[in-house]
Amino acid sequence: MRERQRLDSAIAAVRETERDLDDNIGLIGLGEAEGDQSVVADAEAALAGLAREAARRQVETLLSGEADSNDAYLEIHAGAGGTESQDWAQMLFRMYARWAERQGFKVETLEFHDGEEAGIKSATVQITGANAYGWLKTESGVHRLVRISPFDSNARRHTSFASVWVYPVVDDSIQIDINESDVRIDTFRSSGAGGQHVNTTDSAVRLTHIPTGIAVACQNERSQHKNRATAWDMLRARLYEEELKKREEAAMATEASKTEIGWGHQIRSYVLQPYQLVKDMRTGMEHTTPSEVLDGDLDGFMEASLAQRITGGADGAAAAG
């Protein structure tokens, strides 16, 4: 039913665009024939708005992957560098939460480890909304921050790294078989806020898939049983995402368009000092107002990356800001 609704909506949108296009072209012809420039101007303005709407819908056609319509898990991990990187990880956490809020998506924190002095060591959230995974999937990779450190008394410039990993929530229609003997189960006490019970019992659960080394953790519930069930869902999702990535890489025509996730392969640079610029290393897209990007203005970067995945080029890249 969800697939049928998606297709019905797409077809209706095309028909509506065609009808509006024909109506406004007719109005322009009528206005010119009667010498009524106000009718012509109104119809031209409507056509400009229609062009913007068509461009937005064109981007949505890029979200046609096998799991693009699914909800998403998003993990953030601070890199080496202690407080600097942990603070940067928290900035990224806020950035994606603000982006999700702009989209009207729901954000649920599943795992959260505070930093030693500030920021976070790691966090995992579930983002629920239409095409959440399709939009977020190109955000996986290493994110680099350059700024004057607020933690350095000498006000020196520092470079910090944090990694982001996005994978789809697996629904009941997708079967992922896991041999339980291949999974190591660890329990531990939750960290952070949560009350006396959460912090004094081994309610948090970590699952490690031994053959692949993939590990997931959940600590948001008071019950170890609920955390265990959620962690198993997350592990199935990670293994499914790994298989999707293998298929995508096998289908890529060139090495340059492969989506390689690894430390030192930063996908985006955020420079706050000595100048202000956010640049995506894959598409070349730039934004000259980092504060807007860090406040969740990510759509342009996502659209450019999605277009590049489809075309293998940088057609979606453009300067912004």
C-alpha atoms as a PDB file:
ATOM      1  CA  MET A   1       0.000   0.000   0.000  1.00  0.00           C
ATOM      2  CA  ARG A   2       2.838   2.398   0.770  1.00  0.00           C
ATOM      3  CA  GLU A   3       4.372   1.746  -2.667  1.00  0.00           C
ATOM      4  CA  ARG A   4       1.003   2.236  -4.343  1.00  0.00           C
ATOM      5  CA  GLN A   5       0.484   5.557  -2.545  1.00  0.00           C
ATOM      6  CA  ARG A   6       3.955   6.693  -3.591  1.00  0.00           C
ATOM      7  CA  LEU A   7       3.282   5.877  -7.260  1.00  0.00           C
ATOM      8  CA  ASP A   8      -0.202   7.447  -7.201  1.00  0.00           C
ATOM      9  CA  SER A   9       1.269  10.633  -5.733  1.00  0.00           C
ATOM     10  CA  ALA A  10       4.043  10.764  -8.365  1.00  0.00           C
ATOM     11  CA  ILE A  11       1.610  10.277 -11.258  1.00  0.00           C
ATOM     12  CA  ALA A  12      -0.808  12.872  -9.861  1.00  0.00           C
ATOM     13  CA  ALA A  13       2.054  15.377  -9.534  1.00  0.00           C
ATOM     14  CA  VAL A  14       3.048  14.945 -13.199  1.00  0.00           C
ATOM     15  CA  ARG A  15      -0.532  15.383 -14.376  1.00  0.00           C
ATOM     16  CA  GLU A  16      -0.981  18.469 -12.194  1.00  0.00           C
ATOM     17  CA  THR A  17       2.222  19.997 -13.579  1.00  0.00           C
ATOM     18  CA  GLU A  18       1.113  19.355 -17.170  1.00  0.00           C
ATOM     19  CA  ARG A  19      -2.310  20.901 -16.488  1.00  0.00           C
ATOM     20  CA  ASP A  20      -0.863  23.996 -14.823  1.00  0.00           C
ATOM     21  CA  LEU A  21       1.657  24.409 -17.652  1.00  0.00           C
ATOM     22  CA  ASP A  22      -1.055  24.249 -20.323  1.00  0.00           C
ATOM     23  CA  ASP A  23      -3.325  26.635 -18.377  1.00  0.00           C
ATOM     24  CA  ASN A  24      -0.664  29.300 -17.942  1.00  0.00           C
ATOM     25  CA  ILE A  25       0.539  29.074 -21.552  1.00  0.00           C
ATOM     26  CA  GLY A  26      -3.092  29.588 -22.572  1.00  0.00           C
ATOM     27  CA  LEU A  27      -3.396  32.595 -20.267  1.00  0.00           C
ATOM     28  CA  ILE A  28      -0.281  34.183 -21.770  1.00  0.00           C
ATOM     29  CA  GLY A  29      -1.723  33.753 -25.275  1.00  0.00           C
ATOM     30  CA  LEU A  30      -5.051  35.224 -24.159  1.00  0.00           C
ATOM     31  CA  GLY A  31      -3.395  38.171 -22.387  1.00  0.00           C
ATOM     32  CA  GLU A  32      -1.232  38.989 -25.410  1.00  0.00           C
ATOM     33  CA  ALA A  33      -4.227  38.763 -27.756  1.00  0.00           C
ATOM     34  CA  GLU A  34      -6.229  41.200 -25.587  1.00  0.00           C
ATOM     35  CA  GLY A  35      -3.263  43.411 -24.707  1.00  0.00           C
ATOM     36  CA  ASP A  36      -3.674  42.732 -20.992  1.00  0.00           C
ATOM     37  CA  GLN A  37      -0.138  42.750 -19.586  1.00  0.00           C
ATOM     38  CA  SER A  38      -1.290  42.044 -16.009  1.00  0.00           C
ATOM     39  CA  VAL A  39      -2.645  38.628 -17.099  1.00  0.00           C
ATOM     40  CA  VAL A  40       0.620  37.908 -18.932  1.00  0.00           C
ATOM     41  CA  ALA A  41       2.697  38.911 -15.871  1.00  0.00           C
ATOM     42  CA  ASP A  42       0.620  36.757 -13.505  1.00  0.00           C
ATOM     43  CA  ALA A  43       0.904  33.738 -15.801  1.00  0.00           C
ATOM     44  CA  GLU A  44       4.671  34.203 -16.189  1.00  0.00           C
ATOM     45  CA  ALA A  45       5.053  34.384 -12.398  1.00  0.00           C
ATOM     46  CA  ALA A  46       3.015  31.185 -12.081  1.00  0.00           C
ATOM     47  CA  LEU A  47       5.248  29.495 -14.671  1.00  0.00           C
ATOM     48  CA  ALA A  48       8.362  30.508 -12.701  1.00  0.00           C
ATOM     49  CA  GLY A  49       6.867  28.950  -9.579  1.00  0.00           C
ATOM     50  CA  LEU A  50       5.962  25.855 -11.571  1.00  0.00           C
ATOM     51  CA  ALA A  51       9.565  25.560 -12.784  1.00  0.00           C
ATOM     52  CA  ARG A  52      10.808  25.630  -9.169  1.00  0.00           C
ATOM     53  CA  GLU A  53       8.280  22.976  -8.167  1.00  0.00           C
ATOM     54  CA  ALA A  54       9.271  20.809 -11.146  1.00  0.00           C
ATOM     55  CA  ALA A  55      12.938  21.092 -10.135  1.00  0.00           C
ATOM     56  CA  ARG A  56      12.069  19.959  -6.599  1.00  0.00           C
ATOM     57  CA  ARG A  57      10.091  17.001  -7.921  1.00  0.00           C
ATOM     58  CA  GLN A  58      12.965  16.114 -10.246  1.00  0.00           C
ATOM     59  CA  VAL A  59      15.211  15.736  -7.207  1.00  0.00           C
ATOM     60  CA  GLU A  60      12.603  13.464  -5.607  1.00  0.00           C
ATOM     61  CA  THR A  61      12.888  11.124  -8.606  1.00  0.00           C
ATOM     62  CA  LEU A  62      16.468  10.452  -7.483  1.00  0.00           C
ATOM     63  CA  LEU A  63      15.044   8.832  -4.348  1.00  0.00           C
ATOM     64  CA  SER A  64      14.134   5.604  -6.115  1.00  0.00           C
ATOM     65  CA  GLY A  65      16.611   3.234  -4.475  1.00  0.00           C
ATOM     66  CA  GLU A  66      15.541  -0.009  -2.871  1.00  0.00           C
ATOM     67  CA  ALA A  67      15.439   1.420   0.665  1.00  0.00           C
ATOM     68  CA  ASP A  68      15.200   5.167  -0.039  1.00  0.00           C
ATOM     69  CA  SER A  69      11.648   5.426   1.297  1.00  0.00           C
ATOM     70  CA  ASN A  70      12.650   3.851   4.635  1.00  0.00           C
ATOM     71  CA  ASP A  71      13.356   5.591   7.917  1.00  0.00           C
ATOM     72  CA  ALA A  72      17.043   5.927   8.823  1.00  0.00           C
ATOM     73  CA  TYR A  73      19.505   5.259  11.604  1.00  0.00           C
ATOM     74  CA  LEU A  74      22.259   7.882  11.888  1.00  0.00           C
ATOM     75  CA  GLU A  75      25.440   7.323  13.903  1.00  0.00           C
ATOM     76  CA  ILE A  76      27.977  10.014  14.805  1.00  0.00           C
ATOM     77  CA  HIS A  77      31.435   9.216  16.219  1.00  0.00           C
ATOM     78  CA  ALA A  78      34.031  11.737  17.370  1.00  0.00           C
ATOM     79  CA  GLY A  79      37.499  11.299  15.880  1.00  0.00           C
ATOM     80  CA  ALA A  80      40.884  11.546  17.548  1.00  0.00           C
ATOM     81  CA  GLY A  81      41.520  14.816  19.340  1.00  0.00           C
ATOM     82  CA  GLY A  82      39.541  14.573  22.565  1.00  0.00           C
ATOM     83  CA  THR A  83      37.408  17.568  23.489  1.00  0.00           C
ATOM     84  CA  GLU A  84      37.798  19.276  20.091  1.00  0.00           C
ATOM     85  CA  SER A  85      36.404  16.347  18.100  1.00  0.00           C
ATOM     86  CA  GLN A  86      33.783  15.535  20.739  1.00  0.00           C
ATOM     87  CA  ASP A  87      32.461  19.089  20.562  1.00  0.00           C
ATOM     88  CA  TRP A  88      32.406  18.833  16.755  1.00  0.00           C
ATOM     89  CA  ALA A  89      30.461  15.562  17.003  1.00  0.00           C
ATOM     90  CA  GLN A  90      27.833  17.310  19.118  1.00  0.00           C
ATOM     91  CA  MET A  91      27.627  20.143  16.576  1.00  0.00           C
ATOM     92  CA  LEU A  92      26.918  17.543  13.875  1.00  0.00           C
ATOM     93  CA  PHE A  93      24.330  15.893  16.131  1.00  0.00           C
ATOM     94  CA  ARG A  94      22.518  19.228  16.431  1.00  0.00           C
ATOM     95  CA  MET A  95      22.870  19.930  12.689  1.00  0.00           C
ATOM     96  CA  TYR A  96      21.099  16.720  11.684  1.00  0.00           C
ATOM     97  CA  ALA A  97      18.448  17.143  14.389  1.00  0.00           C
ATOM     98  CA  ARG A  98      17.719  20.648  13.035  1.00  0.00           C
ATOM     99  CA  TRP A  99      17.627  19.333   9.451  1.00  0.00           C
ATOM    100  CA  ALA A 100      15.135  16.639  10.474  1.00  0.00           C
ATOM    101  CA  GLU A 101      13.031  19.235  12.286  1.00  0.00           C
ATOM    102  CA  ARG A 102      12.898  21.362   9.116  1.00  0.00           C
ATOM    103  CA  GLN A 103      11.600  18.324   7.203  1.00  0.00           C
ATOM    104  CA  GLY A 104       8.958  17.575   9.819  1.00  0.00           C
ATOM    105  CA  PHE A 105      10.704  14.291  10.689  1.00  0.00           C
ATOM    106  CA  LYS A 106      10.758  12.618  14.102  1.00  0.00           C
ATOM    107  CA  VAL A 107      14.123  12.121  15.855  1.00  0.00           C
ATOM    108  CA  GLU A 108      14.594   9.489  18.571  1.00  0.00           C
ATOM    109  CA  THR A 109      17.924   9.115  20.388  1.00  0.00           C
ATOM    110  CA  LEU A 110      18.886   5.443  20.761  1.00  0.00           C
ATOM    111  CA  GLU A 111      22.433   5.744  22.102  1.00  0.00           C
ATOM    112  CA  PHE A 112      24.360   8.719  23.502  1.00  0.00           C
ATOM    113  CA  HIS A 113      27.802   8.877  25.148  1.00  0.00           C
ATOM    114  CA  ASP A 114      28.866  12.197  26.636  1.00  0.00           C
ATOM    115  CA  GLY A 115      32.359  13.552  26.010  1.00  0.00           C
ATOM    116  CA  GLU A 116      34.931  13.764  28.770  1.00  0.00           C
ATOM    117  CA  GLU A 117      34.739  17.557  29.134  1.00  0.00           C
ATOM    118  CA  ALA A 118      32.311  18.695  26.444  1.00  0.00           C
ATOM    119  CA  GLY A 119      30.470  17.329  23.428  1.00  0.00           C
ATOM    120  CA  ILE A 120      29.808  13.654  22.744  1.00  0.00           C
ATOM    121  CA  LYS A 121      31.905  10.593  22.016  1.00  0.00           C
ATOM    122  CA  SER A 122      29.146   8.954  19.973  1.00  0.00           C
ATOM    123  CA  ALA A 123      25.408   9.000  19.387  1.00  0.00           C
ATOM    124  CA  THR A 124      22.856   7.023  17.401  1.00  0.00           C
ATOM    125  CA  VAL A 125      19.442   8.391  16.422  1.00  0.00           C
ATOM    126  CA  GLN A 126      16.507   7.061  14.456  1.00  0.00           C
ATOM    127  CA  ILE A 127      15.039   9.566  11.996  1.00  0.00           C
ATOM    128  CA  THR A 128      11.483   8.797  10.931  1.00  0.00           C
ATOM    129  CA  GLY A 129       9.890  10.422   7.900  1.00  0.00           C
ATOM    130  CA  ALA A 130       9.161  10.020   4.184  1.00  0.00           C
ATOM    131  CA  ASN A 131      12.353   9.143   2.265  1.00  0.00           C
ATOM    132  CA  ALA A 132      14.497   9.756   5.360  1.00  0.00           C
ATOM    133  CA  TYR A 133      17.153   7.233   4.300  1.00  0.00           C
ATOM    134  CA  GLY A 134      17.070   8.381   0.682  1.00  0.00           C
ATOM    135  CA  TRP A 135      17.903  11.945   1.709  1.00  0.00           C
ATOM    136  CA  LEU A 136      20.472  11.079   4.372  1.00  0.00           C
ATOM    137  CA  LYS A 137      22.372   8.226   2.711  1.00  0.00           C
ATOM    138  CA  THR A 138      24.920  10.515   1.033  1.00  0.00           C
ATOM    139  CA  GLU A 139      25.893  11.997   4.421  1.00  0.00           C
ATOM    140  CA  SER A 140      27.919   8.919   5.415  1.00  0.00           C
ATOM    141  CA  GLY A 141      31.621   9.679   5.688  1.00  0.00           C
ATOM    142  CA  VAL A 142      34.115  11.862   7.526  1.00  0.00           C
ATOM    143  CA  HIS A 143      33.245  15.510   8.259  1.00  0.00           C
ATOM    144  CA  ARG A 144      36.088  17.995   8.904  1.00  0.00           C
ATOM    145  CA  LEU A 145      35.900  21.200  10.947  1.00  0.00           C
ATOM    146  CA  VAL A 146      38.469  24.046  10.917  1.00  0.00           C
ATOM    147  CA  ARG A 147      38.031  26.821  13.505  1.00  0.00           C
ATOM    148  CA  ILE A 148      39.628  28.851  16.282  1.00  0.00           C
ATOM    149  CA  SER A 149      39.192  26.512  19.224  1.00  0.00           C
ATOM    150  CA  PRO A 150      37.033  27.787  22.110  1.00  0.00           C
ATOM    151  CA  PHE A 151      38.960  25.324  24.309  1.00  0.00           C
ATOM    152  CA  ASP A 152      42.416  26.709  23.467  1.00  0.00           C
ATOM    153  CA  SER A 153      43.526  29.603  25.705  1.00  0.00           C
ATOM    154  CA  ASN A 154      45.966  30.666  22.969  1.00  0.00           C
ATOM    155  CA  ALA A 155      43.122  30.928  20.407  1.00  0.00           C
ATOM    156  CA  ARG A 156      44.873  28.723  17.881  1.00  0.00           C
ATOM    157  CA  ARG A 157      43.200  27.215  14.846  1.00  0.00           C
ATOM    158  CA  HIS A 158      42.311  23.531  15.166  1.00  0.00           C
ATOM    159  CA  THR A 159      41.142  20.859  12.729  1.00  0.00           C
ATOM    160  CA  SER A 160      38.689  18.266  14.032  1.00  0.00           C
ATOM    161  CA  PHE A 161      37.132  15.168  12.483  1.00  0.00           C
ATOM    162  CA  ALA A 162      33.956  13.191  13.146  1.00  0.00           C
ATOM    163  CA  SER A 163      32.404  10.342  11.183  1.00  0.00           C
ATOM    164  CA  VAL A 164      28.759   9.920  10.216  1.00  0.00           C
ATOM    165  CA  TRP A 165      27.180   6.616   9.253  1.00  0.00           C
ATOM    166  CA  VAL A 166      23.645   6.310   7.848  1.00  0.00           C
ATOM    167  CA  TYR A 167      21.758   3.069   7.250  1.00  0.00           C
ATOM    168  CA  PRO A 168      18.072   2.264   6.593  1.00  0.00           C
ATOM    169  CA  VAL A 169      15.573   0.994   9.118  1.00  0.00           C
ATOM    170  CA  VAL A 170      14.571  -2.450   7.838  1.00  0.00           C
ATOM    171  CA  ASP A 171      10.822  -3.020   7.683  1.00  0.00           C
ATOM    172  CA  ASP A 172       8.979  -6.335   7.909  1.00  0.00           C
ATOM    173  CA  SER A 173       9.005  -6.813   4.122  1.00  0.00           C
ATOM    174  CA  ILE A 174      12.796  -7.277   4.127  1.00  0.00           C
ATOM    175  CA  GLN A 175      14.144 -10.548   5.524  1.00  0.00           C
ATOM    176  CA  ILE A 176      17.649 -10.471   7.012  1.00  0.00           C
ATOM    177  CA  ASP A 177      18.874 -13.807   8.385  1.00  0.00           C
ATOM    178  CA  ILE A 178      21.563 -13.664  11.066  1.00  0.00           C
ATOM    179  CA  ASN A 179      23.202 -16.679  12.679  1.00  0.00           C
ATOM    180  CA  GLU A 180      22.959 -15.900  16.398  1.00  0.00           C
ATOM    181  CA  SER A 181      26.195 -17.790  17.057  1.00  0.00           C
ATOM    182  CA  ASP A 182      27.944 -15.109  14.947  1.00  0.00           C
ATOM    183  CA  VAL A 183      26.827 -12.334  17.320  1.00  0.00           C
ATOM    184  CA  ARG A 184      28.472 -11.377  20.613  1.00  0.00           C
ATOM    185  CA  ILE A 185      26.089  -9.791  23.119  1.00  0.00           C
ATOM    186  CA  ASP A 186      27.430  -7.399  25.783  1.00  0.00           C
ATOM    187  CA  THR A 187      25.421  -5.569  28.453  1.00  0.00           C
ATOM    188  CA  PHE A 188      26.572  -2.462  30.289  1.00  0.00           C
ATOM    189  CA  ARG A 189      25.278   0.489  32.269  1.00  0.00           C
ATOM    190  CA  SER A 190      23.805   3.371  30.345  1.00  0.00           C
ATOM    191  CA  SER A 191      25.514   6.755  30.437  1.00  0.00           C
ATOM    192  CA  GLY A 192      24.033  10.215  30.587  1.00  0.00           C
ATOM    193  CA  ALA A 193      20.595  11.253  31.808  1.00  0.00           C
ATOM    194  CA  GLY A 194      17.970   8.658  32.504  1.00  0.00           C
ATOM    195  CA  GLY A 195      17.341   8.343  36.218  1.00  0.00           C
ATOM    196  CA  GLN A 196      18.579   6.084  38.960  1.00  0.00           C
ATOM    197  CA  HIS A 197      17.379   2.799  37.447  1.00  0.00           C
ATOM    198  CA  VAL A 198      18.939   3.370  34.022  1.00  0.00           C
ATOM    199  CA  ASN A 199      22.323   4.307  35.444  1.00  0.00           C
ATOM    200  CA  THR A 200      22.613   1.529  38.052  1.00  0.00           C
ATOM    201  CA  THR A 201      21.602  -1.553  36.054  1.00  0.00           C
ATOM    202  CA  ASP A 202      23.106  -3.238  32.998  1.00  0.00           C
ATOM    203  CA  SER A 203      20.176  -2.219  30.768  1.00  0.00           C
ATOM    204  CA  ALA A 204      22.219  -1.093  27.741  1.00  0.00           C
ATOM    205  CA  VAL A 205      22.981  -3.674  25.058  1.00  0.00           C
ATOM    206  CA  ARG A 206      25.752  -3.899  22.468  1.00  0.00           C
ATOM    207  CA  LEU A 207      25.682  -6.470  19.638  1.00  0.00           C
ATOM    208  CA  THR A 208      28.800  -7.294  17.606  1.00  0.00           C
ATOM    209  CA  HIS A 209      28.521  -9.262  14.359  1.00  0.00           C
ATOM    210  CA  ILE A 210      31.791 -11.190  14.479  1.00  0.00           C
ATOM    211  CA  PRO A 211      32.187 -12.019  10.729  1.00  0.00           C
ATOM    212  CA  THR A 212      31.897  -8.362   9.659  1.00  0.00           C
ATOM    213  CA  GLY A 213      32.948  -6.556  12.840  1.00  0.00           C
ATOM    214  CA  ILE A 214      29.773  -4.447  12.711  1.00  0.00           C
ATOM    215  CA  ALA A 215      28.672  -3.311  16.180  1.00  0.00           C
ATOM    216  CA  VAL A 216      25.516  -1.524  17.333  1.00  0.00           C
ATOM    217  CA  ALA A 217      24.339  -0.369  20.759  1.00  0.00           C
ATOM    218  CA  CYS A 218      21.071   0.771  22.316  1.00  0.00           C
ATOM    219  CA  GLN A 219      20.501   2.320  25.735  1.00  0.00           C
ATOM    220  CA  ASN A 220      17.392   4.496  25.442  1.00  0.00           C
ATOM    221  CA  GLU A 221      14.998   2.151  27.281  1.00  0.00           C
ATOM    222  CA  ARG A 222      14.918   1.200  30.984  1.00  0.00           C
ATOM    223  CA  SER A 223      14.359  -2.424  29.998  1.00  0.00           C
ATOM    224  CA  GLN A 224      17.293  -4.510  28.783  1.00  0.00           C
ATOM    225  CA  HIS A 225      14.779  -6.639  26.871  1.00  0.00           C
ATOM    226  CA  LYS A 226      13.534  -3.621  24.858  1.00  0.00           C
ATOM    227  CA  ASN A 227      17.076  -2.391  24.246  1.00  0.00           C
ATOM    228  CA  ARG A 228      18.066  -5.870  23.046  1.00  0.00           C
ATOM    229  CA  ALA A 229      15.153  -5.988  20.588  1.00  0.00           C
ATOM    230  CA  THR A 230      16.003  -2.540  19.220  1.00  0.00           C
ATOM    231  CA  ALA A 231      19.694  -3.472  18.920  1.00  0.00           C
ATOM    232  CA  TRP A 232      18.791  -6.564  16.869  1.00  0.00           C
ATOM    233  CA  ASP A 233      16.715  -4.358  14.540  1.00  0.00           C
ATOM    234  CA  MET A 234      19.681  -2.005  14.200  1.00  0.00           C
ATOM    235  CA  LEU A 235      22.075  -4.865  13.449  1.00  0.00           C
ATOM    236  CA  ARG A 236      19.789  -6.250  10.743  1.00  0.00           C
ATOM    237  CA  ALA A 237      19.603  -2.743   9.270  1.00  0.00           C
ATOM    238  CA  ARG A 238      23.406  -2.352   9.274  1.00  0.00           C
ATOM    239  CA  LEU A 239      23.921  -5.689   7.526  1.00  0.00           C
ATOM    240  CA  TYR A 240      21.247  -4.771   4.987  1.00  0.00           C
ATOM    241  CA  GLU A 241      22.927  -1.400   4.341  1.00  0.00           C
ATOM    242  CA  GLU A 242      26.262  -3.170   3.899  1.00  0.00           C
ATOM    243  CA  GLU A 243      24.705  -5.402   1.237  1.00  0.00           C
ATOM    244  CA  LEU A 244      23.120  -2.392  -0.495  1.00  0.00           C
ATOM    245  CA  LYS A 245      26.499  -0.650  -0.544  1.00  0.00           C
ATOM    246  CA  LYS A 246      28.173  -3.702  -2.093  1.00  0.00           C
ATOM    247  CA  ARG A 247      25.532  -3.843  -4.811  1.00  0.00           C
ATOM    248  CA  GLU A 248      25.861  -0.131  -5.527  1.00  0.00           C
ATOM    249  CA  GLU A 249      29.646  -0.283  -5.749  1.00  0.00           C
ATOM    250  CA  ALA A 250      29.436  -3.272  -8.080  1.00  0.00           C
ATOM    251  CA  ALA A 251      27.109  -1.287 -10.336  1.00  0.00           C
ATOM    252  CA  MET A 252      29.254   1.843 -10.462  1.00  0.00           C
ATOM    253  CA  ALA A 253      30.922   2.395 -13.807  1.00  0.00           C
ATOM    254  CA  THR A 254      33.917   4.297 -12.464  1.00  0.00           C
ATOM    255  CA  GLU A 255      36.083   4.170  -9.373  1.00  0.00           C
ATOM    256  CA  ALA A 256      35.534   7.886  -8.766  1.00  0.00           C
ATOM    257  CA  SER A 257      31.825   7.487  -8.151  1.00  0.00           C
ATOM    258  CA  LYS A 258      32.204   4.757  -5.549  1.00  0.00           C
ATOM    259  CA  THR A 259      30.998   5.627  -2.081  1.00  0.00           C
ATOM    260  CA  GLU A 260      34.025   4.769   0.015  1.00  0.00           C
ATOM    261  CA  ILE A 261      33.582   5.265   3.733  1.00  0.00           C
ATOM    262  CA  GLY A 262      36.850   5.539   5.603  1.00  0.00           C
ATOM    263  CA  TRP A 263      38.823   7.699   7.980  1.00  0.00           C
ATOM    264  CA  GLY A 264      40.798  10.278   6.033  1.00  0.00           C
ATOM    265  CA  HIS A 265      38.238  10.298   3.214  1.00  0.00           C
ATOM    266  CA  GLN A 266      36.372  13.413   4.317  1.00  0.00           C
ATOM    267  CA  ILE A 267      33.277  14.163   2.296  1.00  0.00           C
ATOM    268  CA  ARG A 268      32.784  17.720   3.515  1.00  0.00           C
ATOM    269  CA  SER A 269      34.866  20.510   5.053  1.00  0.00           C
ATOM    270  CA  TYR A 270      33.404  23.175   7.359  1.00  0.00           C
ATOM    271  CA  VAL A 271      35.741  26.165   7.741  1.00  0.00           C
ATOM    272  CA  LEU A 272      34.782  28.809  10.337  1.00  0.00           C
ATOM    273  CA  GLN A 273      38.179  30.614  10.510  1.00  0.00           C
ATOM    274  CA  PRO A 274      40.145  32.253   8.904  1.00  0.00           C
ATOM    275  CA  TYR A 275      37.340  32.464   6.325  1.00  0.00           C
ATOM    276  CA  GLN A 276      33.831  30.982   6.216  1.00  0.00           C
ATOM    277  CA  LEU A 277      33.060  28.179   3.793  1.00  0.00           C
ATOM    278  CA  VAL A 278      31.432  24.758   3.693  1.00  0.00           C
ATOM    279  CA  LYS A 279      32.632  22.671   0.747  1.00  0.00           C
ATOM    280  CA  ASP A 280      31.581  19.205  -0.344  1.00  0.00           C
ATOM    281  CA  MET A 281      34.645  17.371  -1.635  1.00  0.00           C
ATOM    282  CA  ARG A 282      32.622  15.017  -3.873  1.00  0.00           C
ATOM    283  CA  THR A 283      30.465  17.494  -5.789  1.00  0.00           C
ATOM    284  CA  GLY A 284      32.409  20.738  -5.337  1.00  0.00           C
ATOM    285  CA  MET A 285      29.313  22.473  -3.993  1.00  0.00           C
ATOM    286  CA  GLU A 286      30.072  25.393  -1.655  1.00  0.00           C
ATOM    287  CA  HIS A 287      28.090  27.413   0.889  1.00  0.00           C
ATOM    288  CA  THR A 288      29.545  30.647   2.252  1.00  0.00           C
ATOM    289  CA  THR A 289      27.421  30.787   5.411  1.00  0.00           C
ATOM    290  CA  PRO A 290      28.437  27.859   7.650  1.00  0.00           C
ATOM    291  CA  SER A 291      26.063  28.978  10.415  1.00  0.00           C
ATOM    292  CA  GLU A 292      23.101  28.244   8.130  1.00  0.00           C
ATOM    293  CA  VAL A 293      24.469  24.810   7.228  1.00  0.00           C
ATOM    294  CA  LEU A 294      25.127  23.965  10.886  1.00  0.00           C
ATOM    295  CA  ASP A 295      21.544  25.030  11.583  1.00  0.00           C
ATOM    296  CA  GLY A 296      20.262  22.314   9.252  1.00  0.00           C
ATOM    297  CA  ASP A 297      20.386  23.894   5.776  1.00  0.00           C
ATOM    298  CA  LEU A 298      21.640  20.709   4.070  1.00  0.00           C
ATOM    299  CA  ASP A 299      19.191  20.190   1.207  1.00  0.00           C
ATOM    300  CA  GLY A 300      21.473  21.651  -1.473  1.00  0.00           C
ATOM    301  CA  PHE A 301      24.368  19.374  -0.490  1.00  0.00           C
ATOM    302  CA  MET A 302      22.092  16.330  -0.397  1.00  0.00           C
ATOM    303  CA  GLU A 303      20.542  17.123  -3.786  1.00  0.00           C
ATOM    304  CA  ALA A 304      23.959  17.576  -5.422  1.00  0.00           C
ATOM    305  CA  SER A 305      25.246  14.296  -3.972  1.00  0.00           C
ATOM    306  CA  LEU A 306      22.131  12.409  -5.054  1.00  0.00           C
ATOM    307  CA  ALA A 307      22.438  13.817  -8.589  1.00  0.00           C
ATOM    308  CA  GLN A 308      26.096  12.779  -8.707  1.00  0.00           C
ATOM    309  CA  ARG A 309      25.226   9.225  -7.689  1.00  0.00           C
ATOM    310  CA  ILE A 310      22.810   8.975 -10.593  1.00  0.00           C
ATOM    311  CA  THR A 311      24.908  10.736 -13.260  1.00  0.00           C
ATOM    312  CA  GLY A 312      28.406   9.893 -12.020  1.00  0.00           C
ATOM    313  CA  GLY A 313      29.303  13.562 -12.466  1.00  0.00           C
ATOM    314  CA  ALA A 314      28.999  16.808 -10.614  1.00  0.00           C
ATOM    315  CA  ASP A 315      25.941  18.082 -12.433  1.00  0.00           C
ATOM    316  CA  GLY A 316      24.236  18.877  -9.173  1.00  0.00           C
ATOM    317  CA  ALA A 317      27.090  20.975  -7.849  1.00  0.00           C
ATOM    318  CA  ALA A 318      26.563  24.671  -7.536  1.00  0.00           C
ATOM    319  CA  ALA A 319      27.696  27.555  -5.407  1.00  0.00           C
ATOM    320  CA  ALA A 320      25.285  28.646  -2.681  1.00  0.00           C
ATOM    321  CA  GLY A 321      25.051  31.381  -0.092  1.00  0.00           C
END
